[in-house]
Amino acid sequence: MDHLIKSLIDNNIIDKGGGHNMAAGFTMKKNNIKLLDNFIQKDYLKKYSD
């Protein structure tokens, strides 16, 4: 989870956050929700698609 939080911060999608393998917390602007969704979807597909 740490890599995802760091990537989200580096890409200015969330303002701050932290986490570990089983949990994460973060703060973000409401207008970045769609960016967050797209980023997580792409990250998942990159890891788990054939």
N, C-alpha and C. Protein backbone atom coordinates (compact mmCIF):
# COMPACT_ATOMS: atom_id res chain seq x y z
N MET A 1 0.82 -1.20 0.00
CA MET A 1 0.00 0.00 0.00
C MET A 1 0.86 1.26 0.00
N ASP A 2 2.03 1.17 0.61
CA ASP A 2 2.90 2.34 0.69
C ASP A 2 3.23 2.92 -0.68
N HIS A 3 3.50 2.04 -1.66
CA HIS A 3 3.86 2.54 -3.00
C HIS A 3 2.71 3.31 -3.62
N LEU A 4 1.48 2.86 -3.39
CA LEU A 4 0.32 3.53 -3.97
C LEU A 4 0.13 4.91 -3.34
N ILE A 5 0.22 5.00 -2.04
CA ILE A 5 0.08 6.30 -1.36
C ILE A 5 1.16 7.26 -1.84
N LYS A 6 2.41 6.79 -1.93
CA LYS A 6 3.50 7.64 -2.40
C LYS A 6 3.24 8.12 -3.82
N SER A 7 2.79 7.23 -4.69
CA SER A 7 2.50 7.61 -6.08
C SER A 7 1.37 8.63 -6.16
N LEU A 8 0.35 8.45 -5.32
CA LEU A 8 -0.76 9.41 -5.31
C LEU A 8 -0.30 10.79 -4.85
N ILE A 9 0.57 10.83 -3.86
CA ILE A 9 1.13 12.12 -3.40
C ILE A 9 2.01 12.72 -4.49
N ASP A 10 2.89 11.91 -5.08
CA ASP A 10 3.79 12.40 -6.13
C ASP A 10 3.03 12.94 -7.34
N ASN A 11 1.84 12.40 -7.60
CA ASN A 11 1.03 12.84 -8.74
C ASN A 11 -0.01 13.89 -8.35
N ASN A 12 0.10 14.42 -7.14
CA ASN A 12 -0.79 15.48 -6.64
C ASN A 12 -2.27 15.10 -6.67
N ILE A 13 -2.55 13.83 -6.46
CA ILE A 13 -3.94 13.37 -6.41
C ILE A 13 -4.47 13.44 -4.98
N ILE A 14 -3.61 13.11 -4.01
CA ILE A 14 -3.96 13.29 -2.60
C ILE A 14 -2.99 14.28 -1.98
N ASP A 15 -3.41 14.90 -0.89
CA ASP A 15 -2.59 15.91 -0.22
C ASP A 15 -1.56 15.29 0.71
N LYS A 16 -1.97 14.29 1.48
CA LYS A 16 -1.06 13.60 2.38
C LYS A 16 -1.66 12.26 2.74
N GLY A 17 -0.83 11.37 3.20
CA GLY A 17 -1.34 10.06 3.57
C GLY A 17 -0.25 9.15 4.10
N GLY A 18 -0.68 8.01 4.54
CA GLY A 18 0.24 7.00 5.05
C GLY A 18 -0.47 5.67 5.12
N GLY A 19 0.29 4.63 5.30
CA GLY A 19 -0.35 3.33 5.39
C GLY A 19 0.64 2.21 5.55
N HIS A 20 0.08 1.01 5.56
CA HIS A 20 0.88 -0.21 5.60
C HIS A 20 0.14 -1.25 4.79
N ASN A 21 0.59 -2.48 4.80
CA ASN A 21 0.01 -3.51 3.92
C ASN A 21 -1.48 -3.76 4.13
N MET A 22 -1.98 -3.49 5.31
CA MET A 22 -3.38 -3.81 5.60
C MET A 22 -4.29 -2.59 5.72
N ALA A 23 -3.75 -1.37 5.67
CA ALA A 23 -4.58 -0.18 5.84
C ALA A 23 -3.88 1.05 5.30
N ALA A 24 -4.67 2.06 5.00
CA ALA A 24 -4.12 3.33 4.54
C ALA A 24 -5.10 4.44 4.90
N GLY A 25 -4.56 5.62 5.07
CA GLY A 25 -5.39 6.80 5.31
C GLY A 25 -4.81 7.95 4.51
N PHE A 26 -5.67 8.86 4.07
CA PHE A 26 -5.19 10.00 3.30
C PHE A 26 -6.21 11.12 3.32
N THR A 27 -5.75 12.31 2.96
CA THR A 27 -6.65 13.45 2.75
C THR A 27 -6.48 13.91 1.32
N MET A 28 -7.58 14.40 0.78
CA MET A 28 -7.55 14.86 -0.61
C MET A 28 -8.66 15.88 -0.85
N LYS A 29 -8.54 16.58 -1.94
CA LYS A 29 -9.59 17.51 -2.34
C LYS A 29 -10.72 16.73 -3.01
N LYS A 30 -11.93 17.14 -2.74
CA LYS A 30 -13.11 16.46 -3.26
C LYS A 30 -13.10 16.36 -4.79
N ASN A 31 -12.59 17.39 -5.45
CA ASN A 31 -12.61 17.40 -6.92
C ASN A 31 -11.59 16.43 -7.53
N ASN A 32 -10.76 15.75 -6.71
CA ASN A 32 -9.80 14.78 -7.23
C ASN A 32 -10.29 13.34 -7.13
N ILE A 33 -11.54 13.14 -6.76
CA ILE A 33 -12.06 11.79 -6.59
C ILE A 33 -11.97 10.99 -7.89
N LYS A 34 -12.35 11.58 -9.01
CA LYS A 34 -12.29 10.86 -10.28
C LYS A 34 -10.84 10.54 -10.65
N LEU A 35 -9.91 11.47 -10.39
CA LEU A 35 -8.49 11.20 -10.64
C LEU A 35 -8.02 10.01 -9.79
N LEU A 36 -8.45 9.98 -8.53
CA LEU A 36 -8.09 8.87 -7.65
C LEU A 36 -8.62 7.55 -8.21
N ASP A 37 -9.87 7.53 -8.61
CA ASP A 37 -10.46 6.32 -9.17
C ASP A 37 -9.69 5.85 -10.40
N ASN A 38 -9.42 6.74 -11.33
CA ASN A 38 -8.68 6.37 -12.54
C ASN A 38 -7.29 5.85 -12.21
N PHE A 39 -6.60 6.50 -11.31
CA PHE A 39 -5.24 6.10 -10.94
C PHE A 39 -5.22 4.70 -10.34
N ILE A 40 -6.15 4.42 -9.43
CA ILE A 40 -6.20 3.12 -8.78
C ILE A 40 -6.58 2.03 -9.79
N GLN A 41 -7.52 2.32 -10.67
CA GLN A 41 -7.90 1.34 -11.70
C GLN A 41 -6.72 0.99 -12.59
N LYS A 42 -5.97 2.00 -13.04
CA LYS A 42 -4.80 1.76 -13.89
C LYS A 42 -3.73 0.98 -13.14
N ASP A 43 -3.49 1.33 -11.88
CA ASP A 43 -2.51 0.62 -11.06
C ASP A 43 -2.89 -0.85 -10.91
N TYR A 44 -4.15 -1.12 -10.66
CA TYR A 44 -4.63 -2.50 -10.51
C TYR A 44 -4.44 -3.27 -11.82
N LEU A 45 -4.86 -2.68 -12.92
CA LEU A 45 -4.75 -3.37 -14.21
C LEU A 45 -3.30 -3.66 -14.57
N LYS A 46 -2.42 -2.73 -14.25
CA LYS A 46 -1.00 -2.91 -14.53
C LYS A 46 -0.45 -4.13 -13.78
N LYS A 47 -0.92 -4.34 -12.56
CA LYS A 47 -0.41 -5.42 -11.73
C LYS A 47 -1.06 -6.77 -12.04
N TYR A 48 -2.35 -6.77 -12.39
CA TYR A 48 -3.08 -8.02 -12.43
C TYR A 48 -3.61 -8.43 -13.80
N SER A 49 -3.30 -7.68 -14.84
CA SER A 49 -3.76 -8.10 -16.17
C SER A 49 -2.71 -9.01 -16.80
N ASP A 50 -3.15 -9.84 -17.67
CA ASP A 50 -2.24 -10.81 -18.34
C ASP A 50 -1.34 -10.14 -19.30
